[in-house]
Amino acid sequence: MGLAHPALPPAAQEWWAARAAHRVRFPSGHSPHLSHPDRVAAALAEAVVQGAVDG
């Protein structure tokens, strides 16, 4: 089995994240929605509520 390559290299992820209005960081691998589904769902729900309040 070969080495895994991230779909988006960490440096590129950090570059994009630095420009985001809001960031959430999970201690996970490539698929946080699979390894931490409850945390991802909570973060998305919070973003929806915040968007409704701000928008």
C-alpha atoms as a PDB file:
ATOM      1  CA  MET A   1       0.000   0.000   0.000  1.00  0.00           C
ATOM      2  CA  GLY A   2       1.466   3.396  -1.000  1.00  0.00           C
ATOM      3  CA  LEU A   3       1.586   6.595   0.959  1.00  0.00           C
ATOM      4  CA  ALA A   4      -1.642   8.543   1.194  1.00  0.00           C
ATOM      5  CA  HIS A   5      -1.706  11.950  -0.464  1.00  0.00           C
ATOM      6  CA  PRO A   6      -4.085  14.583   0.857  1.00  0.00           C
ATOM      7  CA  ALA A   7      -6.617  15.901  -1.640  1.00  0.00           C
ATOM      8  CA  LEU A   8      -5.549  19.379  -0.606  1.00  0.00           C
ATOM      9  CA  PRO A   9      -2.067  19.702   0.919  1.00  0.00           C
ATOM     10  CA  PRO A  10      -2.022  21.015   4.515  1.00  0.00           C
ATOM     11  CA  ALA A  11      -0.279  24.236   3.470  1.00  0.00           C
ATOM     12  CA  ALA A  12      -3.066  24.953   0.977  1.00  0.00           C
ATOM     13  CA  GLN A  13      -5.696  24.118   3.611  1.00  0.00           C
ATOM     14  CA  GLU A  14      -4.093  26.606   6.004  1.00  0.00           C
ATOM     15  CA  TRP A  15      -3.920  29.258   3.261  1.00  0.00           C
ATOM     16  CA  TRP A  16      -7.655  28.904   2.551  1.00  0.00           C
ATOM     17  CA  ALA A  17      -8.559  28.717   6.239  1.00  0.00           C
ATOM     18  CA  ALA A  18      -6.643  31.920   7.029  1.00  0.00           C
ATOM     19  CA  ARG A  19      -8.993  33.748   4.651  1.00  0.00           C
ATOM     20  CA  ALA A  20     -12.218  32.309   6.050  1.00  0.00           C
ATOM     21  CA  ALA A  21     -14.538  34.341   8.241  1.00  0.00           C
ATOM     22  CA  HIS A  22     -14.894  31.403  10.646  1.00  0.00           C
ATOM     23  CA  ARG A  23     -12.757  28.319  11.153  1.00  0.00           C
ATOM     24  CA  VAL A  24     -13.285  25.031  12.962  1.00  0.00           C
ATOM     25  CA  ARG A  25     -10.411  22.620  13.514  1.00  0.00           C
ATOM     26  CA  PHE A  26     -10.915  18.915  14.213  1.00  0.00           C
ATOM     27  CA  PRO A  27      -8.189  16.470  15.234  1.00  0.00           C
ATOM     28  CA  SER A  28      -8.936  14.151  12.358  1.00  0.00           C
ATOM     29  CA  GLY A  29      -7.727  12.818   9.080  1.00  0.00           C
ATOM     30  CA  HIS A  30      -9.032  13.390   5.586  1.00  0.00           C
ATOM     31  CA  SER A  31     -12.716  12.743   6.361  1.00  0.00           C
ATOM     32  CA  PRO A  32     -13.783  14.418   9.606  1.00  0.00           C
ATOM     33  CA  HIS A  33     -17.439  13.905   8.639  1.00  0.00           C
ATOM     34  CA  LEU A  34     -16.787  10.154   8.974  1.00  0.00           C
ATOM     35  CA  SER A  35     -14.474  10.111  12.001  1.00  0.00           C
ATOM     36  CA  HIS A  36     -16.252  12.879  13.983  1.00  0.00           C
ATOM     37  CA  PRO A  37     -19.798  13.101  12.575  1.00  0.00           C
ATOM     38  CA  ASP A  38     -21.340  14.611  15.714  1.00  0.00           C
ATOM     39  CA  ARG A  39     -18.732  17.387  15.898  1.00  0.00           C
ATOM     40  CA  VAL A  40     -19.067  18.203  12.204  1.00  0.00           C
ATOM     41  CA  ALA A  41     -22.876  18.240  12.454  1.00  0.00           C
ATOM     42  CA  ALA A  42     -22.720  20.545  15.473  1.00  0.00           C
ATOM     43  CA  ALA A  43     -20.329  22.921  13.685  1.00  0.00           C
ATOM     44  CA  LEU A  44     -22.593  23.017  10.622  1.00  0.00           C
ATOM     45  CA  ALA A  45     -25.697  23.588  12.745  1.00  0.00           C
ATOM     46  CA  GLU A  46     -23.939  26.441  14.557  1.00  0.00           C
ATOM     47  CA  ALA A  47     -22.944  27.994  11.210  1.00  0.00           C
ATOM     48  CA  VAL A  48     -26.549  27.807   9.983  1.00  0.00           C
ATOM     49  CA  VAL A  49     -27.865  29.454  13.130  1.00  0.00           C
ATOM     50  CA  GLN A  50     -25.171  32.145  12.977  1.00  0.00           C
ATOM     51  CA  GLY A  51     -25.962  32.777   9.317  1.00  0.00           C
ATOM     52  CA  ALA A  52     -29.646  33.199  10.161  1.00  0.00           C
ATOM     53  CA  VAL A  53     -28.783  35.665  12.926  1.00  0.00           C
ATOM     54  CA  ASP A  54     -26.257  37.618  10.847  1.00  0.00           C
ATOM     55  CA  GLY A  55     -28.107  37.449   7.550  1.00  0.00           C
END
